[in-house]
């Protein structure tokens, strides 16, 4: 699936719900289905700065594509990071660096998160793009 197709699929999934409370419940369910991050990555080195709750993010380059694992100590935040992992995992560093994450606005996350959660979301996206840049530089040292 392309980056665009996965985002469109998420938009369709959220379109089923009319009320934001139902969307929050769905986010919580998504967080519960997030594959567990290895305990060795649950330390300060992998914590994302700018999040009110704790969010750990690890990225590994496997066969030219980045695999993300993540976790959070807050249930809604864990759902948000689960969405980002779903969209951006298994993508090339360049795809991640250049990604336009239109689903965030489209499902109403921007309008329905508290300011601190919105800042955390921005920090999560920024960190994932930074991983993309770092792995891209590692793969293309001359550019």
C-alpha atoms as a PDB file:
ATOM      1  CA  UNK A   1       0.000   0.000   0.000  1.00  0.00           C
ATOM      2  CA  UNK A   2       1.201   3.479  -0.777  1.00  0.00           C
ATOM      3  CA  UNK A   3       1.496   6.195   1.834  1.00  0.00           C
ATOM      4  CA  UNK A   4      -1.559   7.881   0.305  1.00  0.00           C
ATOM      5  CA  UNK A   5      -3.621   4.659   0.316  1.00  0.00           C
ATOM      6  CA  UNK A   6      -2.896   3.943   3.994  1.00  0.00           C
ATOM      7  CA  UNK A   7      -3.897   7.476   4.939  1.00  0.00           C
ATOM      8  CA  UNK A   8      -7.107   7.189   2.915  1.00  0.00           C
ATOM      9  CA  UNK A   9      -7.870   3.887   4.653  1.00  0.00           C
ATOM     10  CA  UNK A  10      -7.462   5.569   8.068  1.00  0.00           C
ATOM     11  CA  UNK A  11      -9.739   8.440   6.987  1.00  0.00           C
ATOM     12  CA  UNK A  12     -12.403   5.889   5.982  1.00  0.00           C
ATOM     13  CA  UNK A  13     -12.061   4.073   9.318  1.00  0.00           C
ATOM     14  CA  UNK A  14     -12.581   7.311  11.263  1.00  0.00           C
ATOM     15  CA  UNK A  15     -15.461   8.431   8.997  1.00  0.00           C
ATOM     16  CA  UNK A  16     -17.606   5.658  10.507  1.00  0.00           C
ATOM     17  CA  UNK A  17     -17.789   7.638  13.782  1.00  0.00           C
ATOM     18  CA  UNK A  18     -19.917  10.766  14.151  1.00  0.00           C
ATOM     19  CA  UNK A  19     -18.942  11.656  17.702  1.00  0.00           C
ATOM     20  CA  UNK A  20     -15.445  12.487  18.890  1.00  0.00           C
ATOM     21  CA  UNK A  21     -15.849  10.330  21.967  1.00  0.00           C
ATOM     22  CA  UNK A  22     -16.221   7.336  19.634  1.00  0.00           C
ATOM     23  CA  UNK A  23     -13.100   8.408  17.746  1.00  0.00           C
ATOM     24  CA  UNK A  24     -11.194   8.634  21.028  1.00  0.00           C
ATOM     25  CA  UNK A  25     -12.323   5.111  21.898  1.00  0.00           C
ATOM     26  CA  UNK A  26     -11.114   3.948  18.485  1.00  0.00           C
ATOM     27  CA  UNK A  27      -7.756   5.650  19.095  1.00  0.00           C
ATOM     28  CA  UNK A  28      -7.490   3.813  22.416  1.00  0.00           C
ATOM     29  CA  UNK A  29      -8.198   0.499  20.649  1.00  0.00           C
ATOM     30  CA  UNK A  30      -5.505   1.292  18.069  1.00  0.00           C
ATOM     31  CA  UNK A  31      -3.056   1.942  20.875  1.00  0.00           C
ATOM     32  CA  UNK A  32      -3.881  -1.404  22.453  1.00  0.00           C
ATOM     33  CA  UNK A  33      -3.061  -3.153  19.178  1.00  0.00           C
ATOM     34  CA  UNK A  34       0.337  -1.424  18.856  1.00  0.00           C
ATOM     35  CA  UNK A  35       3.062  -4.086  18.841  1.00  0.00           C
ATOM     36  CA  UNK A  36       5.140  -3.873  22.013  1.00  0.00           C
ATOM     37  CA  UNK A  37       8.411  -1.975  21.833  1.00  0.00           C
ATOM     38  CA  UNK A  38      11.430  -3.868  23.115  1.00  0.00           C
ATOM     39  CA  UNK A  39      11.977  -2.942  26.764  1.00  0.00           C
ATOM     40  CA  UNK A  40      15.576  -1.923  25.964  1.00  0.00           C
ATOM     41  CA  UNK A  41      14.158   1.070  24.045  1.00  0.00           C
ATOM     42  CA  UNK A  42      12.034   2.311  26.954  1.00  0.00           C
ATOM     43  CA  UNK A  43      14.631   4.718  28.285  1.00  0.00           C
ATOM     44  CA  UNK A  44      15.433   8.421  28.022  1.00  0.00           C
ATOM     45  CA  UNK A  45      17.463   7.984  24.833  1.00  0.00           C
ATOM     46  CA  UNK A  46      14.279   7.023  22.931  1.00  0.00           C
ATOM     47  CA  UNK A  47      11.884   9.437  24.659  1.00  0.00           C
ATOM     48  CA  UNK A  48      10.378  12.082  22.393  1.00  0.00           C
ATOM     49  CA  UNK A  49      10.887  15.606  23.704  1.00  0.00           C
ATOM     50  CA  UNK A  50       7.857  17.860  23.523  1.00  0.00           C
ATOM     51  CA  UNK A  51       5.292  15.292  24.611  1.00  0.00           C
ATOM     52  CA  UNK A  52       3.498  15.774  27.925  1.00  0.00           C
ATOM     53  CA  UNK A  53       3.143  12.027  28.314  1.00  0.00           C
ATOM     54  CA  UNK A  54       6.029   9.649  27.794  1.00  0.00           C
ATOM     55  CA  UNK A  55       6.440   8.419  24.222  1.00  0.00           C
ATOM     56  CA  UNK A  56       9.275   6.113  23.247  1.00  0.00           C
ATOM     57  CA  UNK A  57      10.151   5.711  19.577  1.00  0.00           C
ATOM     58  CA  UNK A  58      12.711   3.461  17.950  1.00  0.00           C
ATOM     59  CA  UNK A  59      13.565   3.204  14.278  1.00  0.00           C
ATOM     60  CA  UNK A  60      15.588   0.565  12.468  1.00  0.00           C
ATOM     61  CA  UNK A  61      16.613   0.479   8.829  1.00  0.00           C
ATOM     62  CA  UNK A  62      15.850  -2.939   7.374  1.00  0.00           C
ATOM     63  CA  UNK A  63      16.370  -3.598   3.653  1.00  0.00           C
ATOM     64  CA  UNK A  64      16.274   0.120   2.867  1.00  0.00           C
ATOM     65  CA  UNK A  65      13.034   0.749   4.762  1.00  0.00           C
ATOM     66  CA  UNK A  66      12.473   2.130   8.229  1.00  0.00           C
ATOM     67  CA  UNK A  67      10.627   0.043  10.810  1.00  0.00           C
ATOM     68  CA  UNK A  68       9.244   2.009  13.748  1.00  0.00           C
ATOM     69  CA  UNK A  69       8.297   0.664  17.149  1.00  0.00           C
ATOM     70  CA  UNK A  70       6.769   2.855  19.824  1.00  0.00           C
ATOM     71  CA  UNK A  71       4.950   2.997  23.113  1.00  0.00           C
ATOM     72  CA  UNK A  72       3.391   5.579  25.404  1.00  0.00           C
ATOM     73  CA  UNK A  73       2.237   5.712  29.001  1.00  0.00           C
ATOM     74  CA  UNK A  74      -0.962   7.553  27.945  1.00  0.00           C
ATOM     75  CA  UNK A  75      -3.739   5.634  26.185  1.00  0.00           C
ATOM     76  CA  UNK A  76      -4.804   8.275  23.646  1.00  0.00           C
ATOM     77  CA  UNK A  77      -1.209   9.231  22.871  1.00  0.00           C
ATOM     78  CA  UNK A  78      -0.431   5.553  22.346  1.00  0.00           C
ATOM     79  CA  UNK A  79      -3.265   5.452  19.774  1.00  0.00           C
ATOM     80  CA  UNK A  80      -1.866   8.506  17.996  1.00  0.00           C
ATOM     81  CA  UNK A  81       1.633   7.039  17.794  1.00  0.00           C
ATOM     82  CA  UNK A  82       0.093   3.742  16.614  1.00  0.00           C
ATOM     83  CA  UNK A  83      -1.447   5.635  13.666  1.00  0.00           C
ATOM     84  CA  UNK A  84       1.895   7.258  12.825  1.00  0.00           C
ATOM     85  CA  UNK A  85       3.709   3.917  13.030  1.00  0.00           C
ATOM     86  CA  UNK A  86       1.078   2.377  10.747  1.00  0.00           C
ATOM     87  CA  UNK A  87       1.480   5.128   8.160  1.00  0.00           C
ATOM     88  CA  UNK A  88       5.252   5.618   8.238  1.00  0.00           C
ATOM     89  CA  UNK A  89       6.663   2.156   9.010  1.00  0.00           C
ATOM     90  CA  UNK A  90       8.063   0.144   6.146  1.00  0.00           C
ATOM     91  CA  UNK A  91       8.792   3.271   4.091  1.00  0.00           C
ATOM     92  CA  UNK A  92      12.060   4.466   2.622  1.00  0.00           C
ATOM     93  CA  UNK A  93      13.827   7.299   4.454  1.00  0.00           C
ATOM     94  CA  UNK A  94      13.066   9.599   1.513  1.00  0.00           C
ATOM     95  CA  UNK A  95       9.340   8.754   1.630  1.00  0.00           C
ATOM     96  CA  UNK A  96       9.259   9.602   5.331  1.00  0.00           C
ATOM     97  CA  UNK A  97      11.195  12.838   4.892  1.00  0.00           C
ATOM     98  CA  UNK A  98       8.855  14.016   2.120  1.00  0.00           C
ATOM     99  CA  UNK A  99       5.586  12.666   3.514  1.00  0.00           C
ATOM    100  CA  UNK A 100       2.530  14.869   3.684  1.00  0.00           C
ATOM    101  CA  UNK A 101       0.447  13.466   6.511  1.00  0.00           C
ATOM    102  CA  UNK A 102      -2.953  14.737   5.369  1.00  0.00           C
ATOM    103  CA  UNK A 103      -4.883  12.155   7.399  1.00  0.00           C
ATOM    104  CA  UNK A 104      -4.142  14.023  10.658  1.00  0.00           C
ATOM    105  CA  UNK A 105      -6.202  17.039   9.634  1.00  0.00           C
ATOM    106  CA  UNK A 106      -8.698  14.963   7.671  1.00  0.00           C
ATOM    107  CA  UNK A 107      -9.812  12.818  10.608  1.00  0.00           C
ATOM    108  CA  UNK A 108     -10.071  15.905  12.823  1.00  0.00           C
ATOM    109  CA  UNK A 109      -7.130  15.220  15.115  1.00  0.00           C
ATOM    110  CA  UNK A 110      -5.814  18.765  14.779  1.00  0.00           C
ATOM    111  CA  UNK A 111      -9.105  20.270  15.931  1.00  0.00           C
ATOM    112  CA  UNK A 112      -9.896  17.778  18.690  1.00  0.00           C
ATOM    113  CA  UNK A 113      -6.662  17.385  20.608  1.00  0.00           C
ATOM    114  CA  UNK A 114      -5.672  19.479  23.587  1.00  0.00           C
ATOM    115  CA  UNK A 115      -2.799  21.912  22.921  1.00  0.00           C
ATOM    116  CA  UNK A 116      -0.368  19.666  24.817  1.00  0.00           C
ATOM    117  CA  UNK A 117      -1.401  16.581  22.816  1.00  0.00           C
ATOM    118  CA  UNK A 118      -1.158  18.594  19.580  1.00  0.00           C
ATOM    119  CA  UNK A 119       2.390  19.621  20.517  1.00  0.00           C
ATOM    120  CA  UNK A 120       3.171  15.980  21.231  1.00  0.00           C
ATOM    121  CA  UNK A 121       1.797  14.938  17.836  1.00  0.00           C
ATOM    122  CA  UNK A 122       3.995  17.522  16.112  1.00  0.00           C
ATOM    123  CA  UNK A 123       6.993  16.253  18.105  1.00  0.00           C
ATOM    124  CA  UNK A 124       6.281  12.631  17.128  1.00  0.00           C
ATOM    125  CA  UNK A 125       6.045  13.489  13.412  1.00  0.00           C
ATOM    126  CA  UNK A 126       9.180  15.619  13.648  1.00  0.00           C
ATOM    127  CA  UNK A 127      11.139  12.794  15.311  1.00  0.00           C
ATOM    128  CA  UNK A 128      10.020  10.265  12.685  1.00  0.00           C
ATOM    129  CA  UNK A 129      11.079  12.638   9.903  1.00  0.00           C
ATOM    130  CA  UNK A 130      14.419  13.182  11.651  1.00  0.00           C
ATOM    131  CA  UNK A 131      14.959   9.419  11.650  1.00  0.00           C
ATOM    132  CA  UNK A 132      14.174   9.499   7.928  1.00  0.00           C
ATOM    133  CA  UNK A 133      16.771  12.224   7.380  1.00  0.00           C
ATOM    134  CA  UNK A 134      19.400  10.407   9.454  1.00  0.00           C
ATOM    135  CA  UNK A 135      18.932   7.094   7.646  1.00  0.00           C
ATOM    136  CA  UNK A 136      18.840   8.881   4.278  1.00  0.00           C
ATOM    137  CA  UNK A 137      22.196  10.521   5.085  1.00  0.00           C
ATOM    138  CA  UNK A 138      23.607   7.155   6.156  1.00  0.00           C
ATOM    139  CA  UNK A 139      22.442   5.516   2.910  1.00  0.00           C
ATOM    140  CA  UNK A 140      23.613   8.408   0.696  1.00  0.00           C
ATOM    141  CA  UNK A 141      26.719   9.812   2.366  1.00  0.00           C
ATOM    142  CA  UNK A 142      27.753  11.897  -0.650  1.00  0.00           C
ATOM    143  CA  UNK A 143      24.498  13.874  -0.955  1.00  0.00           C
END
